PDB file of N, CA and C in Angstrom:
ATOM      1  N   ARG A   1     -10.184  10.089   1.703  1.00  0.00           N
ATOM      2  CA  ARG A   1      -9.546   9.594   2.915  1.00  0.00           C
ATOM      3  C   ARG A   1     -10.159   8.249   3.287  1.00  0.00           C
ATOM      4  N   VAL A   2      -9.310   7.274   3.565  1.00  0.00           N
ATOM      5  CA  VAL A   2      -9.751   5.934   3.949  1.00  0.00           C
ATOM      6  C   VAL A   2      -9.301   5.700   5.384  1.00  0.00           C
ATOM      7  N   ASP A   3     -10.235   5.303   6.236  1.00  0.00           N
ATOM      8  CA  ASP A   3      -9.838   5.118   7.636  1.00  0.00           C
ATOM      9  C   ASP A   3      -9.188   3.754   7.858  1.00  0.00           C
ATOM     10  N   ARG A   4      -8.632   3.627   9.020  1.00  0.00           N
ATOM     11  CA  ARG A   4      -7.839   2.443   9.378  1.00  0.00           C
ATOM     12  C   ARG A   4      -8.651   1.145   9.282  1.00  0.00           C
ATOM     13  N   THR A   5      -9.900   1.184   9.719  1.00  0.00           N
ATOM     14  CA  THR A   5     -10.706  -0.045   9.674  1.00  0.00           C
ATOM     15  C   THR A   5     -10.979  -0.476   8.240  1.00  0.00           C
ATOM     16  N   GLU A   6     -11.164   0.500   7.344  1.00  0.00           N
ATOM     17  CA  GLU A   6     -11.382   0.141   5.941  1.00  0.00           C
ATOM     18  C   GLU A   6     -10.119  -0.439   5.311  1.00  0.00           C
ATOM     19  N   MET A   7      -8.961   0.024   5.742  1.00  0.00           N
ATOM     20  CA  MET A   7      -7.699  -0.518   5.220  1.00  0.00           C
ATOM     21  C   MET A   7      -7.588  -2.011   5.502  1.00  0.00           C
ATOM     22  N   ALA A   8      -8.111  -2.435   6.634  1.00  0.00           N
ATOM     23  CA  ALA A   8      -8.028  -3.847   7.013  1.00  0.00           C
ATOM     24  C   ALA A   8      -9.287  -4.622   6.644  1.00  0.00           C
ATOM     25  N   SER A   9     -10.271  -3.940   6.073  1.00  0.00           N
ATOM     26  CA  SER A   9     -11.532  -4.603   5.746  1.00  0.00           C
ATOM     27  C   SER A   9     -11.390  -5.466   4.490  1.00  0.00           C
ATOM     28  N   LYS A  10     -12.421  -6.213   4.206  1.00  0.00           N
ATOM     29  CA  LYS A  10     -12.450  -7.052   3.002  1.00  0.00           C
ATOM     30  C   LYS A  10     -13.024  -6.306   1.799  1.00  0.00           C
ATOM     31  N   ARG A  11     -13.397  -5.043   1.992  1.00  0.00           N
ATOM     32  CA  ARG A  11     -13.985  -4.256   0.898  1.00  0.00           C
ATOM     33  C   ARG A  11     -13.042  -4.192  -0.288  1.00  0.00           C
ATOM     34  N   ARG A  12     -13.642  -4.312  -1.478  1.00  0.00           N
ATOM     35  CA  ARG A  12     -12.839  -4.291  -2.691  1.00  0.00           C
ATOM     36  C   ARG A  12     -13.205  -3.139  -3.614  1.00  0.00           C
ATOM     37  N   ALA A  13     -13.859  -2.140  -3.059  1.00  0.00           N
ATOM     38  CA  ALA A  13     -14.200  -0.950  -3.843  1.00  0.00           C
ATOM     39  C   ALA A  13     -12.910  -0.226  -4.225  1.00  0.00           C
ATOM     40  N   ARG A  14     -12.896   0.320  -5.417  1.00  0.00           N
ATOM     41  CA  ARG A  14     -11.696   1.002  -5.916  1.00  0.00           C
ATOM     42  C   ARG A  14     -11.228   2.104  -4.966  1.00  0.00           C
ATOM     43  N   ALA A  15     -12.189   2.788  -4.336  1.00  0.00           N
ATOM     44  CA  ALA A  15     -11.852   3.881  -3.416  1.00  0.00           C
ATOM     45  C   ALA A  15     -11.082   3.383  -2.198  1.00  0.00           C
ATOM     46  N   VAL A  16     -11.160   2.094  -1.916  1.00  0.00           N
ATOM     47  CA  VAL A  16     -10.449   1.504  -0.782  1.00  0.00           C
ATOM     48  C   VAL A  16      -9.219   0.729  -1.253  1.00  0.00           C
ATOM     49  N   VAL A  17      -9.344   0.049  -2.366  1.00  0.00           N
ATOM     50  CA  VAL A  17      -8.277  -0.849  -2.831  1.00  0.00           C
ATOM     51  C   VAL A  17      -6.979  -0.107  -3.145  1.00  0.00           C
ATOM     52  N   ARG A  18      -7.041   0.963  -3.916  1.00  0.00           N
ATOM     53  CA  ARG A  18      -5.803   1.651  -4.304  1.00  0.00           C
ATOM     54  C   ARG A  18      -5.090   2.258  -3.090  1.00  0.00           C
ATOM     55  N   PRO A  19      -5.796   2.952  -2.195  1.00  0.00           N
ATOM     56  CA  PRO A  19      -5.096   3.439  -0.998  1.00  0.00           C
ATOM     57  C   PRO A  19      -4.501   2.304  -0.164  1.00  0.00           C
ATOM     58  N   ARG A  20      -5.195   1.171  -0.104  1.00  0.00           N
ATOM     59  CA  ARG A  20      -4.671   0.015   0.638  1.00  0.00           C
ATOM     60  C   ARG A  20      -3.390  -0.490  -0.018  1.00  0.00           C
ATOM     61  N   GLN A  21      -3.376  -0.549  -1.336  1.00  0.00           N
ATOM     62  CA  GLN A  21      -2.180  -1.002  -2.048  1.00  0.00           C
ATOM     63  C   GLN A  21      -1.012  -0.047  -1.814  1.00  0.00           C
ATOM     64  N   VAL A  22      -1.285   1.243  -1.830  1.00  0.00           N
ATOM     65  CA  VAL A  22      -0.229   2.224  -1.558  1.00  0.00           C
ATOM     66  C   VAL A  22       0.284   2.047  -0.132  1.00  0.00           C
ATOM     67  N   ALA A  23      -0.621   1.839   0.805  1.00  0.00           N
ATOM     68  CA  ALA A  23      -0.214   1.654   2.204  1.00  0.00           C
ATOM     69  C   ALA A  23       0.639   0.399   2.366  1.00  0.00           C
ATOM     70  N   MET A  24       0.291  -0.676   1.667  1.00  0.00           N
ATOM     71  CA  MET A  24       1.101  -1.896   1.715  1.00  0.00           C
ATOM     72  C   MET A  24       2.484  -1.631   1.131  1.00  0.00           C
ATOM     73  N   TYR A  25       2.529  -0.903   0.032  1.00  0.00           N
ATOM     74  CA  TYR A  25       3.807  -0.537  -0.587  1.00  0.00           C
ATOM     75  C   TYR A  25       4.661   0.251   0.400  1.00  0.00           C
ATOM     76  N   LEU A  26       4.067   1.252   1.028  1.00  0.00           N
ATOM     77  CA  LEU A  26       4.802   2.072   1.993  1.00  0.00           C
ATOM     78  C   LEU A  26       5.288   1.237   3.172  1.00  0.00           C
ATOM     79  N   ALA A  27       4.453   0.314   3.626  1.00  0.00           N
ATOM     80  CA  ALA A  27       4.849  -0.552   4.740  1.00  0.00           C
ATOM     81  C   ALA A  27       6.067  -1.390   4.360  1.00  0.00           C
ATOM     82  N   LYS A  28       6.104  -1.867   3.133  1.00  0.00           N
ATOM     83  CA  LYS A  28       7.240  -2.686   2.697  1.00  0.00           C
ATOM     84  C   LYS A  28       8.498  -1.842   2.522  1.00  0.00           C
ATOM     85  N   VAL A  29       8.342  -0.660   1.946  1.00  0.00           N
ATOM     86  CA  VAL A  29       9.490   0.202   1.662  1.00  0.00           C
ATOM     87  C   VAL A  29      10.074   0.813   2.940  1.00  0.00           C
ATOM     88  N   LEU A  30       9.225   1.142   3.882  1.00  0.00           N
ATOM     89  CA  LEU A  30       9.672   1.892   5.059  1.00  0.00           C
ATOM     90  C   LEU A  30       9.928   1.050   6.303  1.00  0.00           C
ATOM     91  N   THR A  31       9.582  -0.224   6.253  1.00  0.00           N
ATOM     92  CA  THR A  31       9.770  -1.070   7.436  1.00  0.00           C
ATOM     93  C   THR A  31      10.499  -2.355   7.062  1.00  0.00           C
ATOM     94  N   PRO A  32      11.039  -3.039   8.048  1.00  0.00           N
ATOM     95  CA  PRO A  32      11.683  -4.326   7.776  1.00  0.00           C
ATOM     96  C   PRO A  32      10.687  -5.493   7.787  1.00  0.00           C
ATOM     97  N   ARG A  33       9.406  -5.210   7.839  1.00  0.00           N
ATOM     98  CA  ARG A  33       8.383  -6.257   7.929  1.00  0.00           C
ATOM     99  C   ARG A  33       8.366  -7.137   6.681  1.00  0.00           C
ATOM    100  N   SER A  34       8.052  -8.400   6.888  1.00  0.00           N
ATOM    101  CA  SER A  34       7.942  -9.349   5.774  1.00  0.00           C
ATOM    102  C   SER A  34       6.577  -9.196   5.107  1.00  0.00           C
ATOM    103  N   TYR A  35       6.440  -9.782   3.928  1.00  0.00           N
ATOM    104  CA  TYR A  35       5.153  -9.758   3.239  1.00  0.00           C
ATOM    105  C   TYR A  35       4.049 -10.390   4.093  1.00  0.00           C
ATOM    106  N   PRO A  36       4.279 -11.552   4.703  1.00  0.00           N
ATOM    107  CA  PRO A  36       3.226 -12.130   5.550  1.00  0.00           C
ATOM    108  C   PRO A  36       2.854 -11.230   6.734  1.00  0.00           C
ATOM    109  N   GLU A  37       3.833 -10.578   7.345  1.00  0.00           N
ATOM    110  CA  GLU A  37       3.539  -9.680   8.470  1.00  0.00           C
ATOM    111  C   GLU A  37       2.672  -8.512   8.020  1.00  0.00           C
ATOM    112  N   ILE A  38       3.011  -7.938   6.892  1.00  0.00           N
ATOM    113  CA  ILE A  38       2.224  -6.822   6.367  1.00  0.00           C
ATOM    114  C   ILE A  38       0.811  -7.298   6.043  1.00  0.00           C
ATOM    115  N   GLY A  39       0.697  -8.452   5.418  1.00  0.00           N
ATOM    116  CA  GLY A  39      -0.623  -9.001   5.107  1.00  0.00           C
ATOM    117  C   GLY A  39      -1.484  -9.178   6.342  1.00  0.00           C
ATOM    118  N   ARG A  40      -0.897  -9.663   7.419  1.00  0.00           N
ATOM    119  CA  ARG A  40      -1.648  -9.832   8.670  1.00  0.00           C
ATOM    120  C   ARG A  40      -2.158  -8.496   9.191  1.00  0.00           C
ATOM    121  N   LYS A  41      -1.348  -7.463   9.082  1.00  0.00           N
ATOM    122  CA  LYS A  41      -1.748  -6.129   9.556  1.00  0.00           C
ATOM    123  C   LYS A  41      -2.868  -5.527   8.708  1.00  0.00           C
ATOM    124  N   PHE A  42      -2.994  -5.986   7.494  1.00  0.00           N
ATOM    125  CA  PHE A  42      -4.037  -5.493   6.599  1.00  0.00           C
ATOM    126  C   PHE A  42      -5.185  -6.496   6.492  1.00  0.00           C
ATOM    127  N   GLY A  43      -5.659  -6.935   7.620  1.00  0.00           N
ATOM    128  CA  GLY A  43      -6.853  -7.771   7.655  1.00  0.00           C
ATOM    129  C   GLY A  43      -6.627  -9.228   7.344  1.00  0.00           C
ATOM    130  N   GLY A  44      -5.417  -9.715   7.565  1.00  0.00           N
ATOM    131  CA  GLY A  44      -5.144 -11.130   7.340  1.00  0.00           C
ATOM    132  C   GLY A  44      -4.984 -11.497   5.880  1.00  0.00           C
ATOM    133  N   ARG A  45      -4.541 -10.557   5.081  1.00  0.00           N
ATOM    134  CA  ARG A  45      -4.350 -10.850   3.659  1.00  0.00           C
ATOM    135  C   ARG A  45      -3.129 -11.744   3.446  1.00  0.00           C
ATOM    136  N   ASP A  46      -3.196 -12.502   2.380  1.00  0.00           N
ATOM    137  CA  ASP A  46      -2.112 -13.413   2.022  1.00  0.00           C
ATOM    138  C   ASP A  46      -0.886 -12.611   1.575  1.00  0.00           C
ATOM    139  N   HIS A  47       0.287 -13.202   1.785  1.00  0.00           N
ATOM    140  CA  HIS A  47       1.522 -12.519   1.379  1.00  0.00           C
ATOM    141  C   HIS A  47       1.538 -12.214  -0.115  1.00  0.00           C
ATOM    142  N   SER A  48       0.897 -13.061  -0.914  1.00  0.00           N
ATOM    143  CA  SER A  48       0.889 -12.832  -2.360  1.00  0.00           C
ATOM    144  C   SER A  48       0.100 -11.572  -2.724  1.00  0.00           C
ATOM    145  N   THR A  49      -0.890 -11.228  -1.930  1.00  0.00           N
ATOM    146  CA  THR A  49      -1.643  -9.989  -2.144  1.00  0.00           C
ATOM    147  C   THR A  49      -0.740  -8.786  -1.910  1.00  0.00           C
ATOM    148  N   VAL A  50       0.094  -8.869  -0.893  1.00  0.00           N
ATOM    149  CA  VAL A  50       1.022  -7.775  -0.588  1.00  0.00           C
ATOM    150  C   VAL A  50       2.067  -7.662  -1.697  1.00  0.00           C
ATOM    151  N   ILE A  51       2.590  -8.787  -2.149  1.00  0.00           N
ATOM    152  CA  ILE A  51       3.566  -8.778  -3.249  1.00  0.00           C
ATOM    153  C   ILE A  51       2.948  -8.115  -4.476  1.00  0.00           C
ATOM    154  N   HIS A  52       1.716  -8.493  -4.794  1.00  0.00           N
ATOM    155  CA  HIS A  52       1.017  -7.906  -5.943  1.00  0.00           C
ATOM    156  C   HIS A  52       0.881  -6.391  -5.772  1.00  0.00           C
ATOM    157  N   ALA A  53       0.486  -5.952  -4.582  1.00  0.00           N
ATOM    158  CA  ALA A  53       0.312  -4.519  -4.323  1.00  0.00           C
ATOM    159  C   ALA A  53       1.625  -3.769  -4.505  1.00  0.00           C
ATOM    160  N   VAL A  54       2.702  -4.303  -3.960  1.00  0.00           N
ATOM    161  CA  VAL A  54       4.008  -3.644  -4.057  1.00  0.00           C
ATOM    162  C   VAL A  54       4.444  -3.547  -5.519  1.00  0.00           C
ATOM    163  N   ARG A  55       4.322  -4.624  -6.249  1.00  0.00           N
ATOM    164  CA  ARG A  55       4.722  -4.614  -7.665  1.00  0.00           C
ATOM    165  C   ARG A  55       3.852  -3.654  -8.477  1.00  0.00           C
ATOM    166  N   LEU A  56       2.558  -3.647  -8.187  1.00  0.00           N
ATOM    167  CA  LEU A  56       1.644  -2.774  -8.916  1.00  0.00           C
ATOM    168  C   LEU A  56       1.985  -1.303  -8.685  1.00  0.00           C
ATOM    169  N   ILE A  57       2.205  -0.928  -7.440  1.00  0.00           N
ATOM    170  CA  ILE A  57       2.528   0.468  -7.148  1.00  0.00           C
ATOM    171  C   ILE A  57       3.881   0.838  -7.751  1.00  0.00           C
ATOM    172  N   GLU A  58       4.849  -0.068  -7.706  1.00  0.00           N
ATOM    173  CA  GLU A  58       6.138   0.200  -8.367  1.00  0.00           C
ATOM    174  C   GLU A  58       5.923   0.478  -9.851  1.00  0.00           C
ATOM    175  N   GLU A  59       5.098  -0.345 -10.494  1.00  0.00           N
ATOM    176  CA  GLU A  59       4.827  -0.170 -11.924  1.00  0.00           C
ATOM    177  C   GLU A  59       4.075   1.132 -12.184  1.00  0.00           C
ATOM    178  N   LEU A  60       3.049   1.397 -11.380  1.00  0.00           N
ATOM    179  CA  LEU A  60       2.271   2.621 -11.573  1.00  0.00           C
ATOM    180  C   LEU A  60       3.130   3.868 -11.394  1.00  0.00           C
ATOM    181  N   ARG A  61       4.081   3.810 -10.492  1.00  0.00           N
ATOM    182  CA  ARG A  61       4.962   4.964 -10.276  1.00  0.00           C
ATOM    183  C   ARG A  61       5.786   5.268 -11.525  1.00  0.00           C
ATOM    184  N   THR A  62       6.120   4.247 -12.304  1.00  0.00           N
ATOM    185  CA  THR A  62       6.913   4.479 -13.515  1.00  0.00           C
ATOM    186  C   THR A  62       6.054   5.005 -14.663  1.00  0.00           C
ATOM    187  N   ARG A  63       4.757   4.690 -14.640  1.00  0.00           N
ATOM    188  CA  ARG A  63       3.874   5.067 -15.748  1.00  0.00           C
ATOM    189  C   ARG A  63       3.019   6.298 -15.479  1.00  0.00           C
ATOM    190  N   ASP A  64       2.799   6.613 -14.218  1.00  0.00           N
ATOM    191  CA  ASP A  64       1.844   7.656 -13.853  1.00  0.00           C
ATOM    192  C   ASP A  64       2.532   8.692 -12.958  1.00  0.00           C
ATOM    193  N   ALA A  65       2.792   9.860 -13.530  1.00  0.00           N
ATOM    194  CA  ALA A  65       3.506  10.908 -12.791  1.00  0.00           C
ATOM    195  C   ALA A  65       2.734  11.357 -11.555  1.00  0.00           C
ATOM    196  N   ASP A  66       1.407  11.383 -11.637  1.00  0.00           N
ATOM    197  CA  ASP A  66       0.606  11.782 -10.474  1.00  0.00           C
ATOM    198  C   ASP A  66       0.765  10.782  -9.336  1.00  0.00           C
ATOM    199  N   MET A  67       0.714   9.500  -9.672  1.00  0.00           N
ATOM    200  CA  MET A  67       0.893   8.463  -8.648  1.00  0.00           C
ATOM    201  C   MET A  67       2.283   8.575  -8.038  1.00  0.00           C
ATOM    202  N   ASP A  68       3.281   8.749  -8.879  1.00  0.00           N
ATOM    203  CA  ASP A  68       4.646   8.876  -8.372  1.00  0.00           C
ATOM    204  C   ASP A  68       4.764  10.082  -7.445  1.00  0.00           C
ATOM    205  N   GLY A  69       4.175  11.192  -7.834  1.00  0.00           N
ATOM    206  CA  GLY A  69       4.212  12.385  -6.998  1.00  0.00           C
ATOM    207  C   GLY A  69       3.515  12.177  -5.667  1.00  0.00           C
ATOM    208  N   ASP A  70       2.360  11.514  -5.706  1.00  0.00           N
ATOM    209  CA  ASP A  70       1.622  11.236  -4.468  1.00  0.00           C
ATOM    210  C   ASP A  70       2.439  10.349  -3.533  1.00  0.00           C
ATOM    211  N   VAL A  71       3.049   9.311  -4.090  1.00  0.00           N
ATOM    212  CA  VAL A  71       3.841   8.390  -3.266  1.00  0.00           C
ATOM    213  C   VAL A  71       5.075   9.104  -2.718  1.00  0.00           C
ATOM    214  N   ARG A  72       5.717   9.920  -3.539  1.00  0.00           N
ATOM    215  CA  ARG A  72       6.879  10.689  -3.062  1.00  0.00           C
ATOM    216  C   ARG A  72       6.493  11.602  -1.896  1.00  0.00           C
ATOM    217  N   THR A  73       5.350  12.248  -2.015  1.00  0.00           N
ATOM    218  CA  THR A  73       4.870  13.124  -0.940  1.00  0.00           C
ATOM    219  C   THR A  73       4.649  12.335   0.340  1.00  0.00           C
ATOM    220  N   LEU A  74       3.990  11.189   0.220  1.00  0.00           N
ATOM    221  CA  LEU A  74       3.748  10.346   1.398  1.00  0.00           C
ATOM    222  C   LEU A  74       5.061   9.881   2.018  1.00  0.00           C
ATOM    223  N   LEU A  75       5.999   9.467   1.182  1.00  0.00           N
ATOM    224  CA  LEU A  75       7.297   9.021   1.693  1.00  0.00           C
ATOM    225  C   LEU A  75       8.000  10.135   2.463  1.00  0.00           C
ATOM    226  N   ARG A  76       7.982  11.336   1.897  1.00  0.00           N
ATOM    227  CA  ARG A  76       8.608  12.477   2.585  1.00  0.00           C
ATOM    228  C   ARG A  76       7.940  12.739   3.930  1.00  0.00           C
ATOM    229  N   GLN A  77       6.615  12.726   3.941  1.00  0.00           N
ATOM    230  CA  GLN A  77       5.878  12.991   5.180  1.00  0.00           C
ATOM    231  C   GLN A  77       6.157  11.930   6.235  1.00  0.00           C
ATOM    232  N   LEU A  78       6.238  10.688   5.813  1.00  0.00           N
ATOM    233  CA  LEU A  78       6.442   9.594   6.765  1.00  0.00           C
ATOM    234  C   LEU A  78       7.888   9.497   7.241  1.00  0.00           C
ATOM    235  N   GLU A  79       8.819   9.946   6.429  1.00  0.00           N
ATOM    236  CA  GLU A  79      10.227   9.868   6.807  1.00  0.00           C
ATOM    237  C   GLU A  79      10.652  11.019   7.712  1.00  0.00           C
ATOM    238  N   ASP A  80       9.866  12.092   7.741  1.00  0.00           N
ATOM    239  CA  ASP A  80      10.204  13.244   8.602  1.00  0.00           C
ATOM    240  C   ASP A  80       9.905  12.978  10.059  1.00  0.00           C
TER     241      ASP A  80
END
């Protein structure tokens, strides 16, 4: 579990980075927010960082069934 402050932190530990990337992906998929807006919400990150995160999670979902399942579960929970 990664808390909200770590999501916006500058930490680059793997335990924080992947959940942050998933959260950025979910923010893009589930909201009308732009890449720059999402980046600002995640500690002032550049829009290109958000684009990278979204593309990476899209790719991982096609290659990794566990990742796809985790993201599907999160999407279901957030859409309810």
